[in-house]
Amino acid sequence: MKLQAHQYGYLWDGTAPQWALMNVAEPNSEPQYLIVNTDAKAAKLIENKLVADEVVERMLAAGVRVLAPAEF
């Protein structure tokens, strides 16, 4: 899955800073993230859950912004 996740490198490598994560979980729940484009006000859906989870992990490790729904 790491090779498939690698194609989404622009989401965490800083070349496209408009991408962020939005925590859509209920308060006091484990975070659930949606990948969002803050310029286009759109979400990126990755159909393969394993790849999506890897991309989110890489985004978090790289320090990508995490927004609350009210900030989007």
Protein backbone atom coordinates (compact mmCIF):
# COMPACT_ATOMS: atom_id res chain seq x y z
CA MET A 1 0.00 0.00 0.00
CA LYS A 2 2.94 2.33 0.55
CA LEU A 3 3.52 2.54 -3.21
CA GLN A 4 -0.10 3.47 -3.80
CA ALA A 5 -0.02 6.01 -0.99
CA HIS A 6 3.13 7.53 -2.48
CA GLN A 7 1.14 8.85 -5.47
CA TYR A 8 -0.59 11.20 -3.03
CA GLY A 9 2.69 12.70 -1.78
CA TYR A 10 1.58 16.21 -2.75
CA LEU A 11 -0.91 16.01 0.13
CA TRP A 12 1.87 16.01 2.73
CA ASP A 13 5.10 17.18 1.11
CA GLY A 14 4.31 20.91 1.24
CA THR A 15 4.02 21.45 -2.53
CA ALA A 16 0.25 21.90 -2.25
CA PRO A 17 -0.39 23.65 1.09
CA GLN A 18 -4.11 24.03 0.41
CA TRP A 19 -4.59 20.40 1.49
CA ALA A 20 -5.46 19.73 5.12
CA LEU A 21 -7.20 17.22 7.33
CA MET A 22 -10.54 17.86 8.95
CA ASN A 23 -11.44 15.98 12.13
CA VAL A 24 -15.07 14.98 11.63
CA ALA A 25 -15.41 12.87 14.79
CA GLU A 26 -17.80 13.66 17.59
CA PRO A 27 -16.26 15.47 20.58
CA ASN A 28 -14.45 13.14 22.99
CA SER A 29 -14.24 10.45 20.29
CA GLU A 30 -11.26 9.02 18.45
CA PRO A 31 -10.35 11.35 15.56
CA GLN A 32 -11.73 10.57 12.10
CA TYR A 33 -10.14 12.52 9.29
CA LEU A 34 -11.36 13.78 5.96
CA ILE A 35 -8.80 15.05 3.44
CA VAL A 36 -9.88 18.52 2.32
CA ASN A 37 -8.78 21.22 -0.09
CA THR A 38 -9.21 24.55 1.69
CA ASP A 39 -9.09 26.58 -1.54
CA ALA A 40 -11.68 24.57 -3.47
CA LYS A 41 -13.75 23.71 -0.37
CA ALA A 42 -13.76 20.09 -1.52
CA ALA A 43 -12.85 16.70 -0.10
CA LYS A 44 -10.57 14.07 -1.62
CA LEU A 45 -11.98 10.58 -1.41
CA ILE A 46 -9.61 7.63 -1.64
CA GLU A 47 -11.67 4.49 -2.18
CA ASN A 48 -9.13 2.00 -0.82
CA LYS A 49 -9.35 2.28 2.97
CA LEU A 50 -5.84 0.93 3.54
CA VAL A 51 -4.36 3.52 1.17
CA ALA A 52 -6.52 6.27 2.67
CA ASP A 53 -5.36 5.36 6.19
CA GLU A 54 -1.71 5.40 5.07
CA VAL A 55 -2.16 8.82 3.43
CA VAL A 56 -3.74 10.25 6.59
CA GLU A 57 -0.91 8.82 8.70
CA ARG A 58 1.68 10.41 6.42
CA MET A 59 -0.18 13.73 6.48
CA LEU A 60 -0.29 13.71 10.28
CA ALA A 61 3.39 12.75 10.53
CA ALA A 62 4.29 15.64 8.20
CA GLY A 63 2.38 18.13 10.36
CA VAL A 64 -0.36 18.96 7.87
CA ARG A 65 -3.01 21.30 9.33
CA VAL A 66 -5.90 19.65 11.14
CA LEU A 67 -9.11 21.66 11.02
CA ALA A 68 -12.39 21.48 12.86
CA PRO A 69 -15.51 21.51 10.65
CA ALA A 70 -16.23 25.11 11.70
CA GLU A 71 -12.83 26.18 10.28
CA PHE A 72 -13.56 24.77 6.84
